N, C-alpha and C. Protein backbone atom coordinates (compact mmCIF):
# COMPACT_ATOMS: atom_id res chain seq x y z
N UNK A 1 3.65 4.73 16.50
CA UNK A 1 4.64 5.37 15.64
C UNK A 1 4.75 4.62 14.33
N UNK A 2 5.05 5.35 13.27
CA UNK A 2 5.16 4.75 11.94
C UNK A 2 6.26 3.69 11.90
N UNK A 3 7.26 3.81 12.78
CA UNK A 3 8.35 2.83 12.82
C UNK A 3 7.84 1.43 13.12
N UNK A 4 6.69 1.31 13.74
CA UNK A 4 6.15 -0.01 14.07
C UNK A 4 5.82 -0.82 12.82
N UNK A 5 5.71 -0.18 11.67
CA UNK A 5 5.39 -0.89 10.42
C UNK A 5 6.62 -1.40 9.68
N UNK A 6 7.83 -1.05 10.14
CA UNK A 6 9.04 -1.44 9.43
C UNK A 6 9.13 -2.95 9.34
N UNK A 7 9.45 -3.45 8.15
CA UNK A 7 9.58 -4.88 7.95
C UNK A 7 9.32 -5.27 6.51
N UNK A 8 9.36 -6.58 6.25
CA UNK A 8 9.20 -7.13 4.92
C UNK A 8 7.98 -8.04 4.89
N UNK A 9 7.12 -7.88 3.88
CA UNK A 9 5.86 -8.60 3.80
C UNK A 9 5.72 -9.26 2.42
N UNK A 10 5.17 -10.45 2.39
CA UNK A 10 4.97 -11.17 1.12
C UNK A 10 3.48 -11.40 0.89
N UNK A 11 3.00 -11.01 -0.29
CA UNK A 11 1.61 -11.21 -0.67
C UNK A 11 1.39 -12.67 -1.03
N UNK A 12 0.40 -13.30 -0.42
CA UNK A 12 0.10 -14.69 -0.73
C UNK A 12 -1.07 -14.82 -1.71
N UNK A 13 -2.11 -14.01 -1.56
CA UNK A 13 -3.23 -14.06 -2.49
C UNK A 13 -4.03 -12.77 -2.40
N UNK A 14 -4.82 -12.52 -3.42
CA UNK A 14 -5.74 -11.39 -3.37
C UNK A 14 -7.01 -11.76 -4.11
N UNK A 15 -8.09 -11.10 -3.74
CA UNK A 15 -9.39 -11.35 -4.33
C UNK A 15 -9.99 -10.01 -4.76
N UNK A 16 -10.54 -9.97 -5.98
CA UNK A 16 -11.20 -8.77 -6.51
C UNK A 16 -10.27 -7.58 -6.65
N UNK A 17 -8.98 -7.82 -6.66
CA UNK A 17 -8.00 -6.74 -6.77
C UNK A 17 -8.11 -6.01 -8.10
N UNK A 18 -8.43 -6.74 -9.16
CA UNK A 18 -8.56 -6.14 -10.49
C UNK A 18 -9.65 -5.07 -10.50
N UNK A 19 -10.77 -5.31 -9.81
CA UNK A 19 -11.85 -4.32 -9.76
C UNK A 19 -11.40 -3.05 -9.05
N UNK A 20 -10.60 -3.22 -8.01
CA UNK A 20 -10.11 -2.03 -7.31
C UNK A 20 -9.15 -1.25 -8.20
N UNK A 21 -8.26 -1.95 -8.90
CA UNK A 21 -7.33 -1.26 -9.80
C UNK A 21 -8.10 -0.48 -10.85
N UNK A 22 -9.20 -1.04 -11.36
CA UNK A 22 -10.03 -0.32 -12.33
C UNK A 22 -10.60 0.94 -11.71
N UNK A 23 -11.04 0.86 -10.45
CA UNK A 23 -11.63 2.02 -9.77
C UNK A 23 -10.63 3.16 -9.59
N UNK A 24 -9.33 2.83 -9.48
CA UNK A 24 -8.33 3.90 -9.31
C UNK A 24 -7.71 4.32 -10.63
N UNK A 25 -8.20 3.77 -11.75
CA UNK A 25 -7.77 4.25 -13.06
C UNK A 25 -6.63 3.49 -13.71
N UNK A 26 -6.33 2.29 -13.23
CA UNK A 26 -5.27 1.49 -13.84
C UNK A 26 -5.78 0.91 -15.15
N UNK A 27 -4.96 0.95 -16.21
CA UNK A 27 -5.35 0.46 -17.53
C UNK A 27 -5.58 -1.05 -17.55
N UNK A 28 -6.32 -1.50 -18.55
CA UNK A 28 -6.74 -2.90 -18.67
C UNK A 28 -5.57 -3.88 -18.67
N UNK A 29 -4.56 -3.66 -19.51
CA UNK A 29 -3.44 -4.60 -19.60
C UNK A 29 -2.71 -4.71 -18.25
N UNK A 30 -2.47 -3.57 -17.61
CA UNK A 30 -1.78 -3.57 -16.32
C UNK A 30 -2.63 -4.24 -15.26
N UNK A 31 -3.96 -4.04 -15.30
CA UNK A 31 -4.85 -4.71 -14.33
C UNK A 31 -4.75 -6.22 -14.46
N UNK A 32 -4.76 -6.72 -15.70
CA UNK A 32 -4.70 -8.17 -15.94
C UNK A 32 -3.39 -8.75 -15.39
N UNK A 33 -2.28 -8.04 -15.66
CA UNK A 33 -0.98 -8.51 -15.16
C UNK A 33 -0.94 -8.39 -13.64
N UNK A 34 -1.37 -7.25 -13.10
CA UNK A 34 -1.33 -7.02 -11.66
C UNK A 34 -2.15 -8.02 -10.87
N UNK A 35 -3.27 -8.45 -11.43
CA UNK A 35 -4.14 -9.40 -10.74
C UNK A 35 -3.50 -10.78 -10.62
N UNK A 36 -2.47 -11.04 -11.42
CA UNK A 36 -1.81 -12.35 -11.41
C UNK A 36 -0.35 -12.26 -10.96
N UNK A 37 -0.02 -11.21 -10.25
CA UNK A 37 1.35 -10.96 -9.83
C UNK A 37 1.49 -11.19 -8.33
N UNK A 38 2.62 -11.74 -7.92
CA UNK A 38 2.94 -11.82 -6.50
C UNK A 38 3.97 -10.74 -6.20
N UNK A 39 3.99 -10.26 -4.96
CA UNK A 39 4.95 -9.22 -4.63
C UNK A 39 5.37 -9.29 -3.18
N UNK A 40 6.43 -8.53 -2.88
CA UNK A 40 6.83 -8.27 -1.50
C UNK A 40 6.81 -6.77 -1.31
N UNK A 41 6.51 -6.36 -0.10
CA UNK A 41 6.54 -4.94 0.28
C UNK A 41 7.44 -4.81 1.49
N UNK A 42 8.39 -3.88 1.41
CA UNK A 42 9.30 -3.64 2.51
C UNK A 42 9.16 -2.19 2.96
N UNK A 43 9.00 -1.99 4.25
CA UNK A 43 8.92 -0.66 4.86
C UNK A 43 10.25 -0.41 5.55
N UNK A 44 10.95 0.69 5.17
CA UNK A 44 12.24 1.03 5.77
C UNK A 44 12.23 2.50 6.20
N UNK A 45 13.23 2.88 6.97
CA UNK A 45 13.37 4.28 7.40
C UNK A 45 14.84 4.62 7.48
N UNK A 46 15.19 5.84 7.00
CA UNK A 46 16.54 6.37 7.09
C UNK A 46 16.40 7.83 7.53
N UNK A 47 16.75 8.12 8.75
CA UNK A 47 16.56 9.47 9.29
C UNK A 47 15.08 9.77 9.38
N UNK A 48 14.65 10.87 8.75
CA UNK A 48 13.24 11.25 8.74
C UNK A 48 12.48 10.66 7.56
N UNK A 49 13.19 10.02 6.63
CA UNK A 49 12.56 9.52 5.40
C UNK A 49 12.20 8.05 5.52
N UNK A 50 10.95 7.77 5.18
CA UNK A 50 10.46 6.40 5.10
C UNK A 50 10.48 5.98 3.63
N UNK A 51 10.52 4.67 3.41
CA UNK A 51 10.47 4.16 2.05
C UNK A 51 9.63 2.88 2.05
N UNK A 52 8.79 2.74 1.03
CA UNK A 52 8.08 1.50 0.78
C UNK A 52 8.63 0.96 -0.53
N UNK A 53 9.17 -0.25 -0.48
CA UNK A 53 9.77 -0.89 -1.66
C UNK A 53 8.90 -2.08 -2.02
N UNK A 54 8.34 -2.04 -3.22
CA UNK A 54 7.52 -3.16 -3.69
C UNK A 54 8.26 -3.85 -4.82
N UNK A 55 8.47 -5.14 -4.67
CA UNK A 55 9.13 -5.95 -5.70
C UNK A 55 8.14 -7.02 -6.14
N UNK A 56 8.01 -7.18 -7.46
CA UNK A 56 7.07 -8.19 -7.96
C UNK A 56 7.64 -8.87 -9.19
N UNK A 57 6.93 -9.88 -9.63
CA UNK A 57 7.31 -10.59 -10.85
C UNK A 57 7.03 -9.74 -12.08
N UNK A 58 6.28 -8.63 -11.92
CA UNK A 58 5.94 -7.73 -13.03
C UNK A 58 6.80 -6.49 -13.05
N UNK A 59 6.87 -5.79 -11.92
CA UNK A 59 7.53 -4.50 -11.88
C UNK A 59 7.91 -4.17 -10.45
N UNK A 60 9.00 -3.46 -10.27
CA UNK A 60 9.42 -3.00 -8.95
C UNK A 60 9.08 -1.52 -8.81
N UNK A 61 8.83 -1.09 -7.56
CA UNK A 61 8.38 0.28 -7.32
C UNK A 61 8.87 0.71 -5.94
N UNK A 62 9.28 1.96 -5.82
CA UNK A 62 9.67 2.54 -4.54
C UNK A 62 9.01 3.89 -4.38
N UNK A 63 8.60 4.18 -3.17
CA UNK A 63 8.11 5.52 -2.84
C UNK A 63 8.76 5.94 -1.53
N UNK A 64 9.39 7.10 -1.55
CA UNK A 64 10.08 7.64 -0.39
C UNK A 64 9.33 8.89 0.07
N UNK A 65 9.18 9.04 1.38
CA UNK A 65 8.37 10.16 1.89
C UNK A 65 8.78 10.54 3.30
N UNK A 66 8.41 11.79 3.65
CA UNK A 66 8.49 12.27 5.02
C UNK A 66 7.07 12.54 5.47
N UNK A 67 6.77 12.19 6.69
CA UNK A 67 5.42 12.39 7.20
C UNK A 67 5.02 13.86 7.12
N UNK A 68 3.81 14.11 6.63
CA UNK A 68 3.25 15.46 6.57
C UNK A 68 3.67 16.30 5.39
N UNK A 69 4.52 15.80 4.50
CA UNK A 69 4.99 16.58 3.36
C UNK A 69 4.35 16.08 2.08
N UNK A 70 3.51 16.92 1.45
CA UNK A 70 2.85 16.58 0.19
C UNK A 70 3.86 16.67 -0.95
N UNK A 71 3.75 15.73 -1.92
CA UNK A 71 4.66 15.75 -3.07
C UNK A 71 4.00 15.08 -4.27
N UNK A 72 4.58 15.33 -5.45
CA UNK A 72 4.12 14.69 -6.68
C UNK A 72 4.98 13.47 -6.94
N UNK A 73 4.34 12.41 -7.45
CA UNK A 73 5.04 11.17 -7.75
C UNK A 73 4.30 10.42 -8.84
N UNK A 74 4.85 9.31 -9.26
CA UNK A 74 4.17 8.42 -10.20
C UNK A 74 3.84 7.13 -9.48
N UNK A 75 2.68 6.56 -9.79
CA UNK A 75 2.29 5.28 -9.20
C UNK A 75 3.02 4.15 -9.93
N UNK A 76 2.86 2.94 -9.46
CA UNK A 76 3.54 1.79 -10.08
C UNK A 76 3.15 1.61 -11.54
N UNK A 77 1.92 2.06 -11.91
CA UNK A 77 1.48 1.92 -13.30
C UNK A 77 1.70 3.21 -14.11
N UNK A 78 2.39 4.19 -13.52
CA UNK A 78 2.78 5.39 -14.27
C UNK A 78 1.84 6.58 -14.16
N UNK A 79 0.73 6.47 -13.42
CA UNK A 79 -0.16 7.62 -13.25
C UNK A 79 0.53 8.68 -12.39
N UNK A 80 0.38 9.96 -12.76
CA UNK A 80 0.94 11.06 -11.99
C UNK A 80 -0.06 11.46 -10.90
N UNK A 81 0.44 11.53 -9.65
CA UNK A 81 -0.43 11.84 -8.52
C UNK A 81 0.28 12.78 -7.54
N UNK A 82 -0.51 13.41 -6.70
CA UNK A 82 -0.01 14.10 -5.51
C UNK A 82 -0.32 13.17 -4.36
N UNK A 83 0.57 13.10 -3.38
CA UNK A 83 0.34 12.23 -2.24
C UNK A 83 0.92 12.85 -0.98
N UNK A 84 0.38 12.43 0.15
CA UNK A 84 0.90 12.84 1.45
C UNK A 84 0.69 11.68 2.42
N UNK A 85 1.68 11.45 3.27
CA UNK A 85 1.60 10.42 4.31
C UNK A 85 1.54 11.12 5.66
N UNK A 86 0.67 10.64 6.54
CA UNK A 86 0.59 11.16 7.90
C UNK A 86 0.45 9.98 8.86
N UNK A 87 0.70 10.23 10.13
CA UNK A 87 0.50 9.23 11.18
C UNK A 87 -0.64 9.75 12.05
N UNK A 88 -1.78 9.04 12.02
CA UNK A 88 -2.97 9.49 12.74
C UNK A 88 -3.59 8.33 13.50
N UNK A 89 -3.76 8.50 14.79
CA UNK A 89 -4.44 7.51 15.64
C UNK A 89 -3.90 6.10 15.43
N UNK A 90 -2.59 5.96 15.40
CA UNK A 90 -1.97 4.65 15.26
C UNK A 90 -2.00 4.07 13.87
N UNK A 91 -2.25 4.90 12.85
CA UNK A 91 -2.33 4.43 11.47
C UNK A 91 -1.43 5.28 10.58
N UNK A 92 -0.78 4.62 9.60
CA UNK A 92 -0.07 5.33 8.55
C UNK A 92 -1.09 5.60 7.46
N UNK A 93 -1.40 6.86 7.22
CA UNK A 93 -2.42 7.27 6.25
C UNK A 93 -1.72 7.85 5.03
N UNK A 94 -2.07 7.34 3.86
CA UNK A 94 -1.57 7.89 2.59
C UNK A 94 -2.76 8.35 1.78
N UNK A 95 -2.78 9.64 1.44
CA UNK A 95 -3.83 10.18 0.57
C UNK A 95 -3.19 10.48 -0.78
N UNK A 96 -3.92 10.09 -1.85
CA UNK A 96 -3.38 10.21 -3.20
C UNK A 96 -4.43 10.81 -4.13
N UNK A 97 -4.05 11.87 -4.89
CA UNK A 97 -4.96 12.53 -5.82
C UNK A 97 -4.38 12.50 -7.21
N UNK A 98 -5.13 12.13 -8.23
CA UNK A 98 -4.61 12.16 -9.61
C UNK A 98 -4.38 13.61 -10.05
N UNK A 99 -3.30 13.85 -10.79
CA UNK A 99 -3.01 15.19 -11.29
C UNK A 99 -3.86 15.53 -12.50
N UNK A 100 -4.16 14.55 -13.36
CA UNK A 100 -4.91 14.83 -14.59
C UNK A 100 -6.41 14.84 -14.37
N UNK A 101 -6.97 13.75 -13.90
CA UNK A 101 -8.41 13.60 -13.78
C UNK A 101 -8.85 13.81 -12.33
N UNK A 102 -8.95 15.06 -11.93
CA UNK A 102 -9.29 15.38 -10.54
C UNK A 102 -10.66 14.85 -10.14
N UNK A 103 -11.57 14.69 -11.12
CA UNK A 103 -12.90 14.16 -10.83
C UNK A 103 -12.84 12.69 -10.41
N UNK A 104 -11.71 12.02 -10.68
CA UNK A 104 -11.57 10.61 -10.31
C UNK A 104 -11.54 10.43 -8.79
N UNK A 105 -11.27 11.50 -8.07
CA UNK A 105 -11.27 11.43 -6.61
C UNK A 105 -9.99 10.85 -6.04
N UNK A 106 -9.91 10.92 -4.72
CA UNK A 106 -8.69 10.46 -4.07
C UNK A 106 -8.79 8.99 -3.66
N UNK A 107 -7.63 8.40 -3.47
CA UNK A 107 -7.52 7.08 -2.87
C UNK A 107 -6.85 7.28 -1.51
N UNK A 108 -7.33 6.58 -0.50
CA UNK A 108 -6.78 6.68 0.84
C UNK A 108 -6.34 5.28 1.27
N UNK A 109 -5.08 5.17 1.68
CA UNK A 109 -4.51 3.91 2.15
C UNK A 109 -4.25 4.05 3.65
N UNK A 110 -4.89 3.23 4.45
CA UNK A 110 -4.70 3.24 5.90
C UNK A 110 -4.01 1.95 6.31
N UNK A 111 -2.82 2.08 6.90
CA UNK A 111 -2.07 0.90 7.35
C UNK A 111 -2.01 0.92 8.87
N UNK A 112 -2.41 -0.21 9.49
CA UNK A 112 -2.50 -0.26 10.94
C UNK A 112 -2.12 -1.64 11.45
N UNK A 113 -1.32 -1.67 12.52
CA UNK A 113 -1.01 -2.93 13.18
C UNK A 113 -2.12 -3.25 14.18
N UNK A 114 -2.62 -4.48 14.13
CA UNK A 114 -3.60 -4.98 15.09
C UNK A 114 -3.10 -6.33 15.55
N UNK A 115 -2.47 -6.35 16.72
CA UNK A 115 -1.87 -7.59 17.21
C UNK A 115 -0.80 -8.05 16.25
N UNK A 116 -0.94 -9.26 15.73
CA UNK A 116 0.04 -9.81 14.80
C UNK A 116 -0.28 -9.47 13.35
N UNK A 117 -1.25 -8.61 13.10
CA UNK A 117 -1.67 -8.31 11.73
C UNK A 117 -1.39 -6.87 11.35
N UNK A 118 -0.91 -6.67 10.13
CA UNK A 118 -0.84 -5.35 9.53
C UNK A 118 -2.04 -5.28 8.59
N UNK A 119 -2.97 -4.42 8.90
CA UNK A 119 -4.19 -4.28 8.12
C UNK A 119 -4.05 -3.04 7.24
N UNK A 120 -4.28 -3.19 5.95
CA UNK A 120 -4.29 -2.06 5.03
C UNK A 120 -5.69 -1.93 4.47
N UNK A 121 -6.31 -0.80 4.72
CA UNK A 121 -7.64 -0.51 4.18
C UNK A 121 -7.46 0.59 3.14
N UNK A 122 -7.87 0.31 1.92
CA UNK A 122 -7.74 1.27 0.84
C UNK A 122 -9.11 1.66 0.36
N UNK A 123 -9.39 2.95 0.32
CA UNK A 123 -10.69 3.45 -0.08
C UNK A 123 -10.53 4.36 -1.29
N UNK A 124 -11.34 4.13 -2.31
CA UNK A 124 -11.41 5.02 -3.48
C UNK A 124 -12.68 5.83 -3.29
N UNK A 125 -12.54 7.09 -2.94
CA UNK A 125 -13.68 7.88 -2.51
C UNK A 125 -14.75 8.07 -3.58
N UNK A 126 -14.35 8.25 -4.84
CA UNK A 126 -15.34 8.54 -5.88
C UNK A 126 -16.20 7.33 -6.23
N UNK A 127 -15.68 6.12 -6.05
CA UNK A 127 -16.45 4.92 -6.42
C UNK A 127 -16.92 4.14 -5.20
N UNK A 128 -16.54 4.58 -4.02
CA UNK A 128 -16.92 3.92 -2.77
C UNK A 128 -16.38 2.50 -2.68
N UNK A 129 -15.27 2.20 -3.37
CA UNK A 129 -14.67 0.88 -3.28
C UNK A 129 -13.74 0.85 -2.07
N UNK A 130 -13.72 -0.26 -1.38
CA UNK A 130 -12.83 -0.47 -0.25
C UNK A 130 -12.04 -1.76 -0.51
N UNK A 131 -10.75 -1.71 -0.30
CA UNK A 131 -9.89 -2.86 -0.47
C UNK A 131 -9.21 -3.14 0.86
N UNK A 132 -9.24 -4.37 1.34
CA UNK A 132 -8.61 -4.72 2.61
C UNK A 132 -7.47 -5.70 2.37
N UNK A 133 -6.38 -5.50 3.11
CA UNK A 133 -5.23 -6.40 3.04
C UNK A 133 -4.78 -6.66 4.46
N UNK A 134 -4.45 -7.91 4.76
CA UNK A 134 -3.88 -8.15 6.08
C UNK A 134 -2.59 -8.93 5.95
N UNK A 135 -1.60 -8.54 6.77
CA UNK A 135 -0.28 -9.13 6.76
C UNK A 135 0.02 -9.67 8.15
N UNK A 136 0.48 -10.92 8.24
CA UNK A 136 0.82 -11.52 9.51
C UNK A 136 2.21 -11.07 9.92
N UNK A 137 2.35 -10.63 11.18
CA UNK A 137 3.63 -10.18 11.71
C UNK A 137 4.08 -11.16 12.79
N UNK A 138 5.15 -11.92 12.56
CA UNK A 138 5.60 -12.86 13.58
C UNK A 138 6.20 -12.13 14.77
N UNK A 139 5.95 -12.63 15.97
CA UNK A 139 6.52 -12.06 17.20
C UNK A 139 8.00 -12.41 17.29
N UNK A 140 8.76 -11.57 17.94
CA UNK A 140 10.15 -11.87 18.18
C UNK A 140 11.10 -11.39 17.09
N UNK A 141 10.57 -10.83 16.02
CA UNK A 141 11.43 -10.31 14.96
C UNK A 141 11.33 -8.81 14.95
N UNK A 142 12.45 -8.13 15.03
CA UNK A 142 12.46 -6.68 15.04
C UNK A 142 13.30 -6.13 13.91
N UNK A 143 13.09 -4.87 13.59
CA UNK A 143 13.85 -4.22 12.53
C UNK A 143 15.28 -4.02 13.01
N UNK A 144 16.24 -4.06 12.10
CA UNK A 144 17.63 -3.82 12.44
C UNK A 144 18.41 -5.09 12.70
N UNK A 145 17.79 -6.24 12.55
CA UNK A 145 18.48 -7.51 12.74
C UNK A 145 19.50 -7.67 11.60
N UNK A 146 20.69 -8.14 11.91
CA UNK A 146 21.75 -8.26 10.91
C UNK A 146 21.43 -9.27 9.83
N UNK A 147 20.81 -10.40 10.20
CA UNK A 147 20.48 -11.43 9.22
C UNK A 147 19.29 -10.97 8.38
N UNK A 148 19.10 -11.61 7.23
CA UNK A 148 17.95 -11.29 6.39
C UNK A 148 16.67 -11.53 7.17
N UNK A 149 15.73 -10.57 7.17
CA UNK A 149 14.48 -10.75 7.90
C UNK A 149 13.60 -11.77 7.19
N UNK A 150 12.75 -12.46 7.96
CA UNK A 150 11.84 -13.42 7.34
C UNK A 150 10.76 -12.67 6.56
N UNK A 151 10.22 -13.29 5.54
CA UNK A 151 9.08 -12.72 4.83
C UNK A 151 7.84 -12.92 5.68
N UNK A 152 7.03 -11.89 5.79
CA UNK A 152 5.77 -11.99 6.51
C UNK A 152 4.67 -12.32 5.53
N UNK A 153 3.69 -13.10 5.95
CA UNK A 153 2.63 -13.44 5.01
C UNK A 153 1.66 -12.30 4.85
N UNK A 154 1.06 -12.25 3.68
CA UNK A 154 0.12 -11.19 3.37
C UNK A 154 -1.04 -11.77 2.58
N UNK A 155 -2.24 -11.40 2.94
CA UNK A 155 -3.41 -11.86 2.22
C UNK A 155 -4.30 -10.67 1.91
N UNK A 156 -4.63 -10.50 0.66
CA UNK A 156 -5.55 -9.45 0.28
C UNK A 156 -6.94 -10.02 0.45
N UNK A 157 -7.73 -9.40 1.31
CA UNK A 157 -9.04 -9.93 1.63
C UNK A 157 -10.10 -9.56 0.63
N UNK A 158 -9.84 -8.64 -0.25
CA UNK A 158 -10.79 -8.36 -1.31
C UNK A 158 -11.22 -6.92 -1.37
N UNK A 159 -11.83 -6.58 -2.44
CA UNK A 159 -12.34 -5.24 -2.68
C UNK A 159 -13.85 -5.34 -2.82
N UNK A 160 -14.54 -4.60 -2.03
CA UNK A 160 -15.99 -4.64 -2.08
C UNK A 160 -16.52 -3.21 -2.10
N UNK A 161 -17.69 -2.99 -2.68
CA UNK A 161 -18.25 -1.65 -2.64
C UNK A 161 -18.43 -1.20 -1.19
N UNK A 162 -18.05 0.04 -0.90
CA UNK A 162 -18.21 0.59 0.44
C UNK A 162 -19.66 0.97 0.71
N UNK A 163 -19.92 1.26 1.94
CA UNK A 163 -21.26 1.69 2.33
C UNK A 163 -21.43 3.16 2.03
N UNK A 164 -22.61 3.55 1.62
CA UNK A 164 -22.89 4.97 1.40
C UNK A 164 -23.12 5.21 -0.01
């Protein structure tokens, strides 16, 4: 269930992230800043609506969604996109299409818990780039705890050209 992803995560490092941002159409200045930014990502739920809250030293961003409902939104860098979130085979899948440059292709974000790790695999279909992120999830901490939740560690493993 998507509820298994609820929690707060802190990015510790990333590798080749700038190349992936370029593949999804992020402008040069924003790529340079983004490649040197640290952030936290929080997954929350209220009723049927999920929310991902990203806070960084550069910019804060929130996206709210219901599973299976396509909608238009803006990305953290201001690009207009259509997106839909689904829960498939134990993964939170987010598909995103640019509204202006449809030839740029979609980006797919797959988030999956594997033991103590939250693995995020991001694929840019038109350029065959794949970006992997893993977040450590400590045992014994659950959502809904009254005290502030601990930050979970996050490491971006890098962006490499995909196969094919």
